[in-house]
Amino acid sequence: MVTPTALTANGALRNAFTTMQTSGGMSMETMLLIGLALVVGVFLIWYFFFRSTGTTD
């Protein structure tokens, strides 16, 4: 099951990587954005996983 949100995120990632490749490398802003996206993604997965298991800590 693919949600529109996932499709939008996938398109944004593709645009970011295309821009990165055409500019000839990763800029600091790109690295920070990718790092931030990874941190948020991991946190959301952790949050929903522990909430679904019913643990309070």
Protein backbone atom coordinates (compact mmCIF):
# COMPACT_ATOMS: atom_id res chain seq x y z
CA MET A 1 0.00 0.00 0.00
CA VAL A 2 1.53 3.27 -1.11
CA THR A 3 0.19 6.51 0.33
CA PRO A 4 0.26 9.87 -1.48
CA THR A 5 2.55 11.12 1.29
CA ALA A 6 5.06 8.39 0.49
CA LEU A 7 4.85 9.24 -3.21
CA THR A 8 5.44 12.92 -2.45
CA ALA A 9 8.43 12.09 -0.24
CA ASN A 10 9.81 9.78 -2.92
CA GLY A 11 9.50 12.51 -5.54
CA ALA A 12 11.16 15.04 -3.24
CA LEU A 13 14.04 12.64 -2.59
CA ARG A 14 14.50 12.03 -6.32
CA ASN A 15 14.53 15.77 -6.99
CA ALA A 16 17.08 16.30 -4.22
CA PHE A 17 19.40 13.58 -5.54
CA THR A 18 19.05 14.86 -9.12
CA THR A 19 19.93 18.38 -7.99
CA MET A 20 22.85 17.01 -5.97
CA GLN A 21 24.24 15.11 -8.95
CA THR A 22 23.92 18.03 -11.38
CA SER A 23 25.62 20.42 -8.93
CA GLY A 24 28.58 18.05 -8.71
CA GLY A 25 28.44 17.11 -5.04
CA MET A 26 26.72 17.43 -1.71
CA SER A 27 26.44 20.88 -0.23
CA MET A 28 26.32 21.39 3.52
CA GLU A 29 22.62 22.27 3.35
CA THR A 30 21.86 19.04 1.50
CA MET A 31 23.77 16.99 4.06
CA LEU A 32 21.95 18.71 6.92
CA LEU A 33 18.55 18.17 5.29
CA ILE A 34 19.23 14.48 4.64
CA GLY A 35 20.50 14.04 8.21
CA LEU A 36 17.45 15.80 9.62
CA ALA A 37 15.10 13.68 7.49
CA LEU A 38 16.82 10.50 8.69
CA VAL A 39 16.55 11.55 12.35
CA VAL A 40 12.86 12.44 11.99
CA GLY A 41 12.15 9.20 10.13
CA VAL A 42 13.89 7.04 12.72
CA PHE A 43 12.09 8.87 15.53
CA LEU A 44 8.68 8.39 13.91
CA ILE A 45 9.32 4.68 13.32
CA TRP A 46 10.50 4.28 16.94
CA TYR A 47 7.54 6.27 18.29
CA PHE A 48 4.87 4.34 16.39
CA PHE A 49 6.56 0.98 17.05
CA PHE A 50 6.67 1.47 20.80
CA ARG A 51 3.18 2.97 20.87
CA SER A 52 1.80 -0.04 18.99
CA THR A 53 3.46 -2.49 21.42
CA GLY A 54 1.78 -0.72 24.33
CA THR A 55 4.88 0.13 26.37
CA THR A 56 4.75 3.40 28.27
CA ASP A 57 8.51 3.90 28.53
